[in-house]
């Protein structure tokens, strides 16, 4: 597999892992055990793929870092917009 494709897949996996982490904490805070469990399972799946990938090629660590940042920004902004829409339905 080409390095560029691996980089993209690791970055995407970390984006999804960070989104899963964000929603995991939200669901735990809301005391929704089944939803929290589902998000926890996704964290392990995406995290394992990411970790295995950058252990095999340390250059992919940077894809994981970039994906982590992007995933957190996406999840928090999406949640913020959802909360804003709940307070101010137009």
N, C-alpha and C. Protein backbone atom coordinates (compact mmCIF):
# COMPACT_ATOMS: atom_id res chain seq x y z
N UNK A 1 0.85 -1.17 0.00
CA UNK A 1 0.00 0.00 0.00
C UNK A 1 0.90 1.24 0.00
N UNK A 2 0.52 2.23 -0.77
CA UNK A 2 1.30 3.45 -0.87
C UNK A 2 1.29 4.21 0.46
N UNK A 3 2.40 4.90 0.75
CA UNK A 3 2.52 5.63 2.01
C UNK A 3 1.42 6.69 2.14
N UNK A 4 1.11 7.39 1.07
CA UNK A 4 0.07 8.43 1.12
C UNK A 4 -1.28 7.87 1.54
N UNK A 5 -1.62 6.70 1.03
CA UNK A 5 -2.88 6.07 1.40
C UNK A 5 -2.86 5.64 2.86
N UNK A 6 -1.75 5.07 3.31
CA UNK A 6 -1.61 4.68 4.72
C UNK A 6 -1.74 5.91 5.61
N UNK A 7 -1.08 7.00 5.22
CA UNK A 7 -1.14 8.24 6.00
C UNK A 7 -2.59 8.69 6.13
N UNK A 8 -3.31 8.70 5.02
CA UNK A 8 -4.71 9.12 5.03
C UNK A 8 -5.56 8.21 5.91
N UNK A 9 -5.37 6.90 5.80
CA UNK A 9 -6.18 5.95 6.59
C UNK A 9 -5.90 6.08 8.09
N UNK A 10 -4.64 6.28 8.45
CA UNK A 10 -4.30 6.45 9.86
C UNK A 10 -4.90 7.76 10.37
N UNK A 11 -4.79 8.82 9.58
CA UNK A 11 -5.37 10.11 9.97
C UNK A 11 -6.88 9.98 10.12
N UNK A 12 -7.55 9.34 9.18
CA UNK A 12 -8.99 9.13 9.25
C UNK A 12 -9.37 8.29 10.47
N UNK A 13 -8.62 7.26 10.73
CA UNK A 13 -8.89 6.41 11.88
C UNK A 13 -8.77 7.21 13.18
N UNK A 14 -7.79 8.09 13.25
CA UNK A 14 -7.63 8.89 14.46
C UNK A 14 -8.70 9.96 14.56
N UNK A 15 -9.13 10.51 13.44
CA UNK A 15 -10.26 11.45 13.45
C UNK A 15 -11.48 10.75 14.06
N UNK A 16 -11.76 9.56 13.56
CA UNK A 16 -12.92 8.81 14.06
C UNK A 16 -12.74 8.40 15.53
N UNK A 17 -11.51 8.06 15.93
CA UNK A 17 -11.26 7.72 17.33
C UNK A 17 -11.51 8.92 18.23
N UNK A 18 -11.08 10.10 17.80
CA UNK A 18 -11.30 11.29 18.64
C UNK A 18 -12.77 11.69 18.70
N UNK A 19 -13.48 11.51 17.62
CA UNK A 19 -14.92 11.74 17.65
C UNK A 19 -15.56 10.75 18.62
N UNK A 20 -15.12 9.50 18.56
CA UNK A 20 -15.65 8.48 19.47
C UNK A 20 -15.33 8.84 20.93
N UNK A 21 -14.12 9.32 21.21
CA UNK A 21 -13.77 9.73 22.57
C UNK A 21 -14.70 10.84 23.05
N UNK A 22 -14.92 11.83 22.21
CA UNK A 22 -15.77 12.96 22.59
C UNK A 22 -17.17 12.49 22.94
N UNK A 23 -17.75 11.66 22.08
CA UNK A 23 -19.10 11.19 22.34
C UNK A 23 -19.16 10.16 23.46
N UNK A 24 -18.07 9.44 23.67
CA UNK A 24 -18.00 8.54 24.82
C UNK A 24 -18.18 9.34 26.12
N UNK A 25 -17.42 10.41 26.25
CA UNK A 25 -17.52 11.22 27.47
C UNK A 25 -18.89 11.87 27.62
N UNK A 26 -19.47 12.29 26.51
CA UNK A 26 -20.82 12.87 26.56
C UNK A 26 -21.81 11.84 27.06
N UNK A 27 -21.75 10.63 26.52
CA UNK A 27 -22.70 9.58 26.90
C UNK A 27 -22.48 9.11 28.34
N UNK A 28 -21.23 9.06 28.78
CA UNK A 28 -20.97 8.71 30.18
C UNK A 28 -21.56 9.79 31.09
N UNK A 29 -21.34 11.04 30.74
CA UNK A 29 -21.89 12.14 31.54
C UNK A 29 -23.41 12.10 31.59
N UNK A 30 -24.04 11.67 30.49
CA UNK A 30 -25.50 11.56 30.43
C UNK A 30 -26.00 10.26 31.06
N UNK A 31 -25.10 9.40 31.50
CA UNK A 31 -25.42 8.10 32.12
C UNK A 31 -26.13 7.15 31.15
N UNK A 32 -25.74 7.20 29.88
CA UNK A 32 -26.28 6.28 28.86
C UNK A 32 -25.27 5.15 28.66
N UNK A 33 -25.44 4.08 29.41
CA UNK A 33 -24.42 3.02 29.45
C UNK A 33 -24.25 2.29 28.12
N UNK A 34 -25.32 1.97 27.44
CA UNK A 34 -25.19 1.23 26.18
C UNK A 34 -24.53 2.08 25.10
N UNK A 35 -24.92 3.32 25.01
CA UNK A 35 -24.30 4.22 24.03
C UNK A 35 -22.82 4.43 24.37
N UNK A 36 -22.53 4.62 25.65
CA UNK A 36 -21.13 4.80 26.07
C UNK A 36 -20.32 3.55 25.73
N UNK A 37 -20.91 2.38 25.94
CA UNK A 37 -20.22 1.14 25.61
C UNK A 37 -19.93 1.01 24.13
N UNK A 38 -20.88 1.42 23.29
CA UNK A 38 -20.67 1.39 21.85
C UNK A 38 -19.52 2.30 21.45
N UNK A 39 -19.50 3.52 22.00
CA UNK A 39 -18.43 4.47 21.68
C UNK A 39 -17.10 3.93 22.18
N UNK A 40 -17.07 3.29 23.35
CA UNK A 40 -15.84 2.71 23.87
C UNK A 40 -15.30 1.63 22.94
N UNK A 41 -16.18 0.82 22.40
CA UNK A 41 -15.76 -0.23 21.45
C UNK A 41 -15.14 0.38 20.20
N UNK A 42 -15.73 1.46 19.73
CA UNK A 42 -15.18 2.13 18.54
C UNK A 42 -13.82 2.76 18.84
N UNK A 43 -13.65 3.28 20.05
CA UNK A 43 -12.36 3.84 20.44
C UNK A 43 -11.27 2.78 20.32
N UNK A 44 -11.56 1.58 20.82
CA UNK A 44 -10.58 0.49 20.78
C UNK A 44 -10.29 0.09 19.33
N UNK A 45 -11.31 -0.03 18.51
CA UNK A 45 -11.11 -0.42 17.11
C UNK A 45 -10.25 0.58 16.35
N UNK A 46 -10.62 1.86 16.41
CA UNK A 46 -9.87 2.87 15.68
C UNK A 46 -8.48 3.08 16.29
N UNK A 47 -8.41 3.04 17.62
CA UNK A 47 -7.13 3.22 18.28
C UNK A 47 -6.16 2.08 17.98
N UNK A 48 -6.66 0.88 17.94
CA UNK A 48 -5.80 -0.28 17.64
C UNK A 48 -5.25 -0.19 16.22
N UNK A 49 -6.10 0.15 15.27
CA UNK A 49 -5.62 0.29 13.89
C UNK A 49 -4.54 1.37 13.81
N UNK A 50 -4.80 2.50 14.45
CA UNK A 50 -3.84 3.60 14.43
C UNK A 50 -2.52 3.19 15.07
N UNK A 51 -2.58 2.59 16.23
CA UNK A 51 -1.36 2.19 16.95
C UNK A 51 -0.56 1.16 16.17
N UNK A 52 -1.24 0.15 15.68
CA UNK A 52 -0.55 -0.89 14.90
C UNK A 52 0.14 -0.26 13.68
N UNK A 53 -0.53 0.70 13.07
CA UNK A 53 0.02 1.33 11.87
C UNK A 53 1.27 2.14 12.17
N UNK A 54 1.26 2.97 13.21
CA UNK A 54 2.45 3.78 13.43
C UNK A 54 3.57 3.03 14.15
N UNK A 55 3.25 1.88 14.74
CA UNK A 55 4.34 1.04 15.25
C UNK A 55 5.09 0.43 14.08
N UNK A 56 4.35 0.07 13.03
CA UNK A 56 4.98 -0.51 11.84
C UNK A 56 5.77 0.54 11.05
N UNK A 57 5.34 1.80 11.09
CA UNK A 57 6.02 2.88 10.37
C UNK A 57 5.86 4.15 11.18
N UNK A 58 6.93 4.54 11.88
CA UNK A 58 6.87 5.66 12.81
C UNK A 58 6.46 6.97 12.14
N UNK A 59 6.65 7.10 10.84
CA UNK A 59 6.23 8.34 10.16
C UNK A 59 4.73 8.54 10.24
N UNK A 60 3.98 7.48 10.44
CA UNK A 60 2.52 7.58 10.54
C UNK A 60 2.06 8.17 11.87
N UNK A 61 2.98 8.32 12.80
CA UNK A 61 2.66 8.99 14.06
C UNK A 61 2.12 10.39 13.79
N UNK A 62 2.69 11.06 12.80
CA UNK A 62 2.25 12.42 12.47
C UNK A 62 0.83 12.43 11.91
N UNK A 63 0.46 11.38 11.21
CA UNK A 63 -0.92 11.25 10.73
C UNK A 63 -1.87 11.11 11.92
N UNK A 64 -1.44 10.37 12.93
CA UNK A 64 -2.26 10.18 14.13
C UNK A 64 -2.43 11.50 14.88
N UNK A 65 -1.36 12.25 15.00
CA UNK A 65 -1.42 13.54 15.70
C UNK A 65 -2.36 14.49 14.95
N UNK A 66 -2.20 14.58 13.65
CA UNK A 66 -3.05 15.46 12.84
C UNK A 66 -4.51 15.01 12.91
N UNK A 67 -4.74 13.72 12.81
CA UNK A 67 -6.10 13.19 12.90
C UNK A 67 -6.74 13.45 14.25
N UNK A 68 -5.95 13.36 15.30
CA UNK A 68 -6.45 13.62 16.64
C UNK A 68 -6.94 15.06 16.77
N UNK A 69 -6.16 15.98 16.27
CA UNK A 69 -6.55 17.39 16.31
C UNK A 69 -7.82 17.64 15.51
N UNK A 70 -7.85 17.13 14.29
CA UNK A 70 -9.01 17.34 13.42
C UNK A 70 -10.26 16.71 14.01
N UNK A 71 -10.14 15.50 14.52
CA UNK A 71 -11.28 14.80 15.09
C UNK A 71 -11.89 15.53 16.28
N UNK A 72 -11.04 16.06 17.14
CA UNK A 72 -11.54 16.79 18.30
C UNK A 72 -12.25 18.06 17.87
N UNK A 73 -11.65 18.80 16.95
CA UNK A 73 -12.29 20.04 16.47
C UNK A 73 -13.64 19.73 15.85
N UNK A 74 -13.71 18.72 15.00
CA UNK A 74 -14.98 18.36 14.36
C UNK A 74 -16.04 17.99 15.39
N UNK A 75 -15.69 17.13 16.32
CA UNK A 75 -16.67 16.65 17.30
C UNK A 75 -17.16 17.77 18.21
N UNK A 76 -16.25 18.62 18.68
CA UNK A 76 -16.65 19.69 19.59
C UNK A 76 -17.49 20.74 18.86
N UNK A 77 -17.09 21.09 17.64
CA UNK A 77 -17.87 22.07 16.88
C UNK A 77 -19.26 21.54 16.55
N UNK A 78 -19.35 20.27 16.18
CA UNK A 78 -20.65 19.66 15.88
C UNK A 78 -21.54 19.67 17.11
N UNK A 79 -20.97 19.30 18.26
CA UNK A 79 -21.74 19.29 19.51
C UNK A 79 -22.16 20.71 19.91
N UNK A 80 -21.26 21.67 19.72
CA UNK A 80 -21.57 23.06 20.04
C UNK A 80 -22.74 23.55 19.19
N UNK A 81 -22.73 23.23 17.91
CA UNK A 81 -23.83 23.64 17.02
C UNK A 81 -25.14 22.96 17.41
N UNK A 82 -25.06 21.69 17.79
CA UNK A 82 -26.26 20.98 18.26
C UNK A 82 -26.83 21.64 19.50
N UNK A 83 -25.98 21.97 20.44
CA UNK A 83 -26.43 22.62 21.68
C UNK A 83 -27.01 24.00 21.40
N UNK A 84 -26.40 24.72 20.48
CA UNK A 84 -26.90 26.05 20.12
C UNK A 84 -28.28 25.95 19.48
N UNK A 85 -28.48 24.96 18.62
CA UNK A 85 -29.77 24.76 17.96
C UNK A 85 -30.85 24.36 18.95
N UNK A 86 -30.48 23.63 20.00
CA UNK A 86 -31.46 23.25 21.03
C UNK A 86 -31.90 24.47 21.83
N UNK A 87 -30.98 25.40 22.08
CA UNK A 87 -31.30 26.60 22.85
C UNK A 87 -32.06 27.63 22.02
N UNK A 88 -31.73 27.69 20.73
CA UNK A 88 -32.27 28.74 19.87
C UNK A 88 -32.85 28.13 18.58
N UNK A 89 -33.93 27.34 18.68
CA UNK A 89 -34.51 26.77 17.46
C UNK A 89 -35.18 27.88 16.63
N UNK A 90 -34.81 27.93 15.37
CA UNK A 90 -35.35 29.00 14.52
C UNK A 90 -36.36 28.48 13.56
